[in-house]
C-alpha atoms as a PDB file:
ATOM      1  CA  MET A   1      19.801 -18.606  31.566  1.00  0.00           C
ATOM      2  CA  PHE A   2      18.899 -17.093  28.196  1.00  0.00           C
ATOM      3  CA  ASP A   3      15.987 -19.516  27.730  1.00  0.00           C
ATOM      4  CA  GLN A   4      14.590 -18.699  31.168  1.00  0.00           C
ATOM      5  CA  PHE A   5      14.906 -14.970  30.520  1.00  0.00           C
ATOM      6  CA  LYS A   6      13.252 -15.296  27.104  1.00  0.00           C
ATOM      7  CA  ALA A   7      10.321 -17.279  28.488  1.00  0.00           C
ATOM      8  CA  ARG A   8       9.733 -14.774  31.299  1.00  0.00           C
ATOM      9  CA  ALA A   9      10.108 -11.708  29.060  1.00  0.00           C
ATOM     10  CA  GLU A  10       7.802 -13.090  26.372  1.00  0.00           C
ATOM     11  CA  ALA A  11       5.225 -13.987  29.048  1.00  0.00           C
ATOM     12  CA  VAL A  12       4.856 -10.257  29.777  1.00  0.00           C
ATOM     13  CA  GLY A  13       4.687  -9.219  26.129  1.00  0.00           C
ATOM     14  CA  ALA A  14       8.308  -8.528  25.163  1.00  0.00           C
ATOM     15  CA  GLU A  15       9.827  -9.745  21.898  1.00  0.00           C
ATOM     16  CA  VAL A  16      13.231 -11.409  22.322  1.00  0.00           C
ATOM     17  CA  HIS A  17      15.846 -12.080  19.627  1.00  0.00           C
ATOM     18  CA  ARG A  18      19.400 -13.414  19.861  1.00  0.00           C
ATOM     19  CA  PHE A  19      22.334 -12.833  17.513  1.00  0.00           C
ATOM     20  CA  LYS A  20      25.846 -14.237  17.383  1.00  0.00           C
ATOM     21  CA  SER A  21      27.549 -11.010  16.340  1.00  0.00           C
ATOM     22  CA  LYS A  22      27.171  -7.254  16.225  1.00  0.00           C
ATOM     23  CA  ASP A  23      26.991  -7.477  12.405  1.00  0.00           C
ATOM     24  CA  GLU A  24      24.000  -9.862  12.594  1.00  0.00           C
ATOM     25  CA  LEU A  25      22.323  -7.506  15.054  1.00  0.00           C
ATOM     26  CA  LEU A  26      22.861  -4.509  12.756  1.00  0.00           C
ATOM     27  CA  ASP A  27      21.463  -6.427   9.765  1.00  0.00           C
ATOM     28  CA  PHE A  28      18.363  -7.343  11.770  1.00  0.00           C
ATOM     29  CA  LEU A  29      18.010  -3.789  13.052  1.00  0.00           C
ATOM     30  CA  LYS A  30      18.160  -2.301   9.541  1.00  0.00           C
ATOM     31  CA  SER A  31      15.465  -4.703   8.364  1.00  0.00           C
ATOM     32  CA  PHE A  32      13.351  -4.173  11.491  1.00  0.00           C
ATOM     33  CA  LEU A  33      13.433  -0.378  11.231  1.00  0.00           C
ATOM     34  CA  ALA A  34      12.506  -0.496   7.537  1.00  0.00           C
ATOM     35  CA  LYS A  35       9.646  -2.921   8.240  1.00  0.00           C
ATOM     36  CA  GLU A  36       8.325  -0.682  11.034  1.00  0.00           C
ATOM     37  CA  GLY A  37       8.270   2.306   8.674  1.00  0.00           C
ATOM     38  CA  VAL A  38      11.064   4.396  10.144  1.00  0.00           C
ATOM     39  CA  SER A  39      11.570   7.441   7.929  1.00  0.00           C
ATOM     40  CA  ASP A  40      12.628  11.058   8.024  1.00  0.00           C
ATOM     41  CA  LYS A  41       9.088  12.207   8.871  1.00  0.00           C
ATOM     42  CA  GLU A  42       7.805  13.335  12.237  1.00  0.00           C
ATOM     43  CA  ASN A  43       6.431  10.449  14.318  1.00  0.00           C
ATOM     44  CA  SER A  44       8.485   8.020  12.204  1.00  0.00           C
ATOM     45  CA  TYR A  45      12.007   8.680  13.516  1.00  0.00           C
ATOM     46  CA  ALA A  46      14.257   6.175  15.240  1.00  0.00           C
ATOM     47  CA  LEU A  47      16.518   7.505  17.997  1.00  0.00           C
ATOM     48  CA  TRP A  48      19.622   5.636  19.118  1.00  0.00           C
ATOM     49  CA  ALA A  49      20.975   6.830  22.467  1.00  0.00           C
ATOM     50  CA  ASP A  50      24.755   6.835  22.745  1.00  0.00           C
ATOM     51  CA  SER A  51      26.130   3.502  23.965  1.00  0.00           C
ATOM     52  CA  PRO A  52      29.334   1.442  23.953  1.00  0.00           C
ATOM     53  CA  LEU A  53      27.907  -0.686  21.105  1.00  0.00           C
ATOM     54  CA  LEU A  54      28.117   2.325  18.793  1.00  0.00           C
ATOM     55  CA  LYS A  55      31.899   2.526  19.142  1.00  0.00           C
ATOM     56  CA  GLY A  56      33.425   1.576  15.804  1.00  0.00           C
ATOM     57  CA  ILE A  57      30.150   1.980  13.916  1.00  0.00           C
ATOM     58  CA  ASP A  58      30.013   4.610  11.186  1.00  0.00           C
ATOM     59  CA  LYS A  59      26.897   6.439  12.404  1.00  0.00           C
ATOM     60  CA  TRP A  60      26.730   8.710   9.338  1.00  0.00           C
ATOM     61  CA  LYS A  61      26.768   5.728   6.983  1.00  0.00           C
ATOM     62  CA  LEU A  62      24.145   3.928   9.063  1.00  0.00           C
ATOM     63  CA  SER A  63      21.867   6.981   9.154  1.00  0.00           C
ATOM     64  CA  ALA A  64      22.252   7.312   5.356  1.00  0.00           C
ATOM     65  CA  GLU A  65      21.148   3.672   4.984  1.00  0.00           C
ATOM     66  CA  ILE A  66      18.198   4.232   7.340  1.00  0.00           C
ATOM     67  CA  PRO A  67      16.528   7.598   6.681  1.00  0.00           C
ATOM     68  CA  GLY A  68      15.034   8.834   9.919  1.00  0.00           C
ATOM     69  CA  LEU A  69      17.656   7.221  12.183  1.00  0.00           C
ATOM     70  CA  LYS A  70      19.039   9.865  14.516  1.00  0.00           C
ATOM     71  CA  PHE A  71      21.782   9.764  17.125  1.00  0.00           C
ATOM     72  CA  SER A  72      21.076  13.092  18.796  1.00  0.00           C
ATOM     73  CA  VAL A  73      18.431  12.532  21.466  1.00  0.00           C
ATOM     74  CA  THR A  74      16.299  15.475  22.567  1.00  0.00           C
ATOM     75  CA  ARG A  75      12.965  15.598  24.348  1.00  0.00           C
ATOM     76  CA  GLU A  76      11.278  16.923  21.190  1.00  0.00           C
ATOM     77  CA  LEU A  77      12.732  14.209  18.928  1.00  0.00           C
ATOM     78  CA  ALA A  78      11.967  11.462  21.434  1.00  0.00           C
ATOM     79  CA  ALA A  79       8.354  12.611  21.717  1.00  0.00           C
ATOM     80  CA  SER A  80       7.968  12.449  17.929  1.00  0.00           C
ATOM     81  CA  SER A  81       9.828   9.172  17.386  1.00  0.00           C
ATOM     82  CA  LEU A  82       8.473   5.768  16.532  1.00  0.00           C
ATOM     83  CA  VAL A  83      11.477   3.801  17.825  1.00  0.00           C
ATOM     84  CA  GLY A  84      13.953   4.411  20.636  1.00  0.00           C
ATOM     85  CA  ILE A  85      17.110   2.285  20.851  1.00  0.00           C
ATOM     86  CA  THR A  86      19.083   1.975  24.084  1.00  0.00           C
ATOM     87  CA  GLU A  87      21.632  -0.358  25.617  1.00  0.00           C
ATOM     88  CA  MET A  88      20.877  -2.228  28.822  1.00  0.00           C
ATOM     89  CA  ASN A  89      23.379  -3.179  31.510  1.00  0.00           C
ATOM     90  CA  TYR A  90      21.812  -6.399  32.796  1.00  0.00           C
ATOM     91  CA  ALA A  91      18.960  -8.851  32.273  1.00  0.00           C
ATOM     92  CA  LEU A  92      17.357 -10.834  35.115  1.00  0.00           C
ATOM     93  CA  ALA A  93      16.479 -14.411  34.207  1.00  0.00           C
ATOM     94  CA  ASP A  94      14.013 -14.943  37.053  1.00  0.00           C
ATOM     95  CA  THR A  95      11.709 -12.069  36.040  1.00  0.00           C
ATOM     96  CA  GLY A  96      12.511 -11.354  32.387  1.00  0.00           C
ATOM     97  CA  SER A  97      13.424  -7.810  33.420  1.00  0.00           C
ATOM     98  CA  LEU A  98      16.049  -5.511  31.960  1.00  0.00           C
ATOM     99  CA  VAL A  99      18.137  -3.261  34.181  1.00  0.00           C
ATOM    100  CA  ALA A 100      20.015  -0.135  33.137  1.00  0.00           C
ATOM    101  CA  ASP A 101      21.788   2.781  34.696  1.00  0.00           C
ATOM    102  CA  GLN A 102      19.737   5.476  32.990  1.00  0.00           C
ATOM    103  CA  THR A 103      21.338   8.441  34.677  1.00  0.00           C
ATOM    104  CA  PRO A 104      21.861  10.093  31.258  1.00  0.00           C
ATOM    105  CA  VAL A 105      18.537  11.738  30.369  1.00  0.00           C
ATOM    106  CA  GLU A 106      18.984  10.656  26.721  1.00  0.00           C
ATOM    107  CA  ASP A 107      18.644   7.008  27.763  1.00  0.00           C
ATOM    108  CA  ARG A 108      15.418   7.726  29.643  1.00  0.00           C
ATOM    109  CA  LEU A 109      13.962   9.729  26.754  1.00  0.00           C
ATOM    110  CA  ALA A 110      14.795   7.095  24.125  1.00  0.00           C
ATOM    111  CA  SER A 111      13.453   4.230  26.224  1.00  0.00           C
ATOM    112  CA  THR A 112      10.197   5.794  27.430  1.00  0.00           C
ATOM    113  CA  LEU A 113       8.790   8.263  24.882  1.00  0.00           C
ATOM    114  CA  PRO A 114       8.829   6.393  21.526  1.00  0.00           C
ATOM    115  CA  VAL A 115       6.137   3.834  20.697  1.00  0.00           C
ATOM    116  CA  ILE A 116       8.679   0.998  20.333  1.00  0.00           C
ATOM    117  CA  HIS A 117      11.671   0.501  22.624  1.00  0.00           C
ATOM    118  CA  VAL A 118      14.517  -1.611  21.224  1.00  0.00           C
ATOM    119  CA  ALA A 119      16.825  -2.709  24.049  1.00  0.00           C
ATOM    120  CA  ILE A 120      20.264  -4.108  23.189  1.00  0.00           C
ATOM    121  CA  ILE A 121      22.337  -6.199  25.585  1.00  0.00           C
ATOM    122  CA  GLY A 122      25.230  -8.635  25.581  1.00  0.00           C
ATOM    123  CA  THR A 123      24.099 -12.194  26.308  1.00  0.00           C
ATOM    124  CA  ASN A 124      26.838 -12.401  28.945  1.00  0.00           C
ATOM    125  CA  LYS A 125      24.950  -9.779  30.995  1.00  0.00           C
ATOM    126  CA  ILE A 126      22.133 -12.158  31.988  1.00  0.00           C
ATOM    127  CA  LEU A 127      22.073 -12.633  35.750  1.00  0.00           C
ATOM    128  CA  ALA A 128      20.018 -15.104  37.752  1.00  0.00           C
ATOM    129  CA  ASP A 129      18.151 -12.629  39.968  1.00  0.00           C
ATOM    130  CA  LYS A 130      18.162  -9.329  41.883  1.00  0.00           C
ATOM    131  CA  VAL A 131      20.566 -10.703  44.487  1.00  0.00           C
ATOM    132  CA  SER A 132      23.116 -11.279  41.711  1.00  0.00           C
ATOM    133  CA  LEU A 133      22.361  -7.832  40.326  1.00  0.00           C
ATOM    134  CA  LEU A 134      23.089  -6.083  43.617  1.00  0.00           C
ATOM    135  CA  LYS A 135      26.602  -7.524  43.547  1.00  0.00           C
ATOM    136  CA  ASN A 136      27.149  -5.705  40.220  1.00  0.00           C
ATOM    137  CA  ILE A 137      25.347  -2.373  40.497  1.00  0.00           C
ATOM    138  CA  SER A 138      25.114   0.251  43.225  1.00  0.00           C
ATOM    139  CA  PRO A 139      22.564   3.037  43.662  1.00  0.00           C
ATOM    140  CA  VAL A 140      25.399   5.178  45.029  1.00  0.00           C
ATOM    141  CA  LYS A 141      27.328   4.956  41.735  1.00  0.00           C
ATOM    142  CA  SER A 142      24.206   4.738  39.544  1.00  0.00           C
ATOM    143  CA  PRO A 143      21.592   7.161  40.905  1.00  0.00           C
ATOM    144  CA  PHE A 144      18.943   6.344  38.265  1.00  0.00           C
ATOM    145  CA  ILE A 145      18.534   2.585  37.892  1.00  0.00           C
ATOM    146  CA  ALA A 146      15.659   1.529  35.643  1.00  0.00           C
ATOM    147  CA  PHE A 147      13.970  -1.868  35.737  1.00  0.00           C
ATOM    148  CA  ILE A 148      12.011  -2.629  32.565  1.00  0.00           C
ATOM    149  CA  THR A 149       9.683  -5.620  32.431  1.00  0.00           C
ATOM    150  CA  GLY A 150       7.718  -5.846  29.186  1.00  0.00           C
ATOM    151  CA  PRO A 151       5.914  -3.019  27.396  1.00  0.00           C
ATOM    152  CA  SER A 152       4.309  -0.259  29.447  1.00  0.00           C
ATOM    153  CA  ARG A 153       1.018  -1.371  30.923  1.00  0.00           C
ATOM    154  CA  THR A 154      -1.588  -0.192  33.396  1.00  0.00           C
ATOM    155  CA  ALA A 155      -4.898  -1.473  34.663  1.00  0.00           C
ATOM    156  CA  ASP A 156      -5.833   1.462  36.871  1.00  0.00           C
ATOM    157  CA  ILE A 157      -8.491   2.820  34.518  1.00  0.00           C
ATOM    158  CA  GLU A 158     -11.621   0.849  35.410  1.00  0.00           C
ATOM    159  CA  ARG A 159      -9.350  -2.220  35.856  1.00  0.00           C
ATOM    160  CA  VAL A 160      -8.973  -2.620  32.122  1.00  0.00           C
ATOM    161  CA  LEU A 161      -5.471  -3.543  30.985  1.00  0.00           C
ATOM    162  CA  THR A 162      -4.103  -0.897  28.653  1.00  0.00           C
ATOM    163  CA  ILE A 163      -0.731  -1.145  26.889  1.00  0.00           C
ATOM    164  CA  GLY A 164       1.460   1.879  26.158  1.00  0.00           C
ATOM    165  CA  VAL A 165      -0.190   4.538  28.296  1.00  0.00           C
ATOM    166  CA  HIS A 166       2.919   5.437  30.319  1.00  0.00           C
ATOM    167  CA  GLY A 167       5.609   4.319  27.882  1.00  0.00           C
ATOM    168  CA  PRO A 168       6.318   2.162  24.829  1.00  0.00           C
ATOM    169  CA  LYS A 169       3.652  -0.167  23.468  1.00  0.00           C
ATOM    170  CA  ARG A 170       6.323  -2.633  22.328  1.00  0.00           C
ATOM    171  CA  LEU A 171       9.566  -3.827  23.862  1.00  0.00           C
ATOM    172  CA  VAL A 172      11.988  -5.582  21.509  1.00  0.00           C
ATOM    173  CA  ILE A 173      15.041  -7.076  23.235  1.00  0.00           C
ATOM    174  CA  LEU A 174      18.128  -7.884  21.161  1.00  0.00           C
ATOM    175  CA  PHE A 175      20.838 -10.082  22.702  1.00  0.00           C
ATOM    176  CA  VAL A 176      24.307 -10.272  21.149  1.00  0.00           C
ATOM    177  CA  ASP A 177      26.561 -13.223  22.013  1.00  0.00           C
ATOM    178  CA  GLU A 178      29.857 -11.720  20.835  1.00  0.00           C
ATOM    179  CA  TYR A 179      29.436  -8.434  22.644  1.00  0.00           C
ATOM    180  CA  GLU A 180      30.707  -7.804  26.163  1.00  0.00           C
ATOM    181  CA  GLY A 181      28.881  -4.519  26.672  1.00  0.00           C
END
């Protein structure tokens, strides 16, 4: 199902990468953030919303290696950040969409306000479709379920497609095989 998801997600402008381990993902992420120009200057921060993936990671060491990487998400920081990093709960192969319980406001801020959204997910969380999803997630238990399909886009201004008006201009999806999420 990964190949189907990747094809669908890339068709709507997302970038999709796959890693065997959490260590490979972290190595890629360090390189990616450096390449994108993340720094300790306003409009160049990277925010990483709290997630299960961060358990066991020395956040202080990681933020020392990547100046500008912050783990405290506020509205002000999110609005002046280049990259927001969040963890997703599921991926839908039939549409290339990501799904997350974004009840915590920090997840919403980090995934919608920065210019680039990096979404992390375990490869085992790919489901076939929405029917499969509804067997795993409930609006009663998760009152704020977000569906994310590609970078933000709109065509309501004179029917001209514009990217990034209502959210991130780029969506980078990182799958990790050896991570259960």
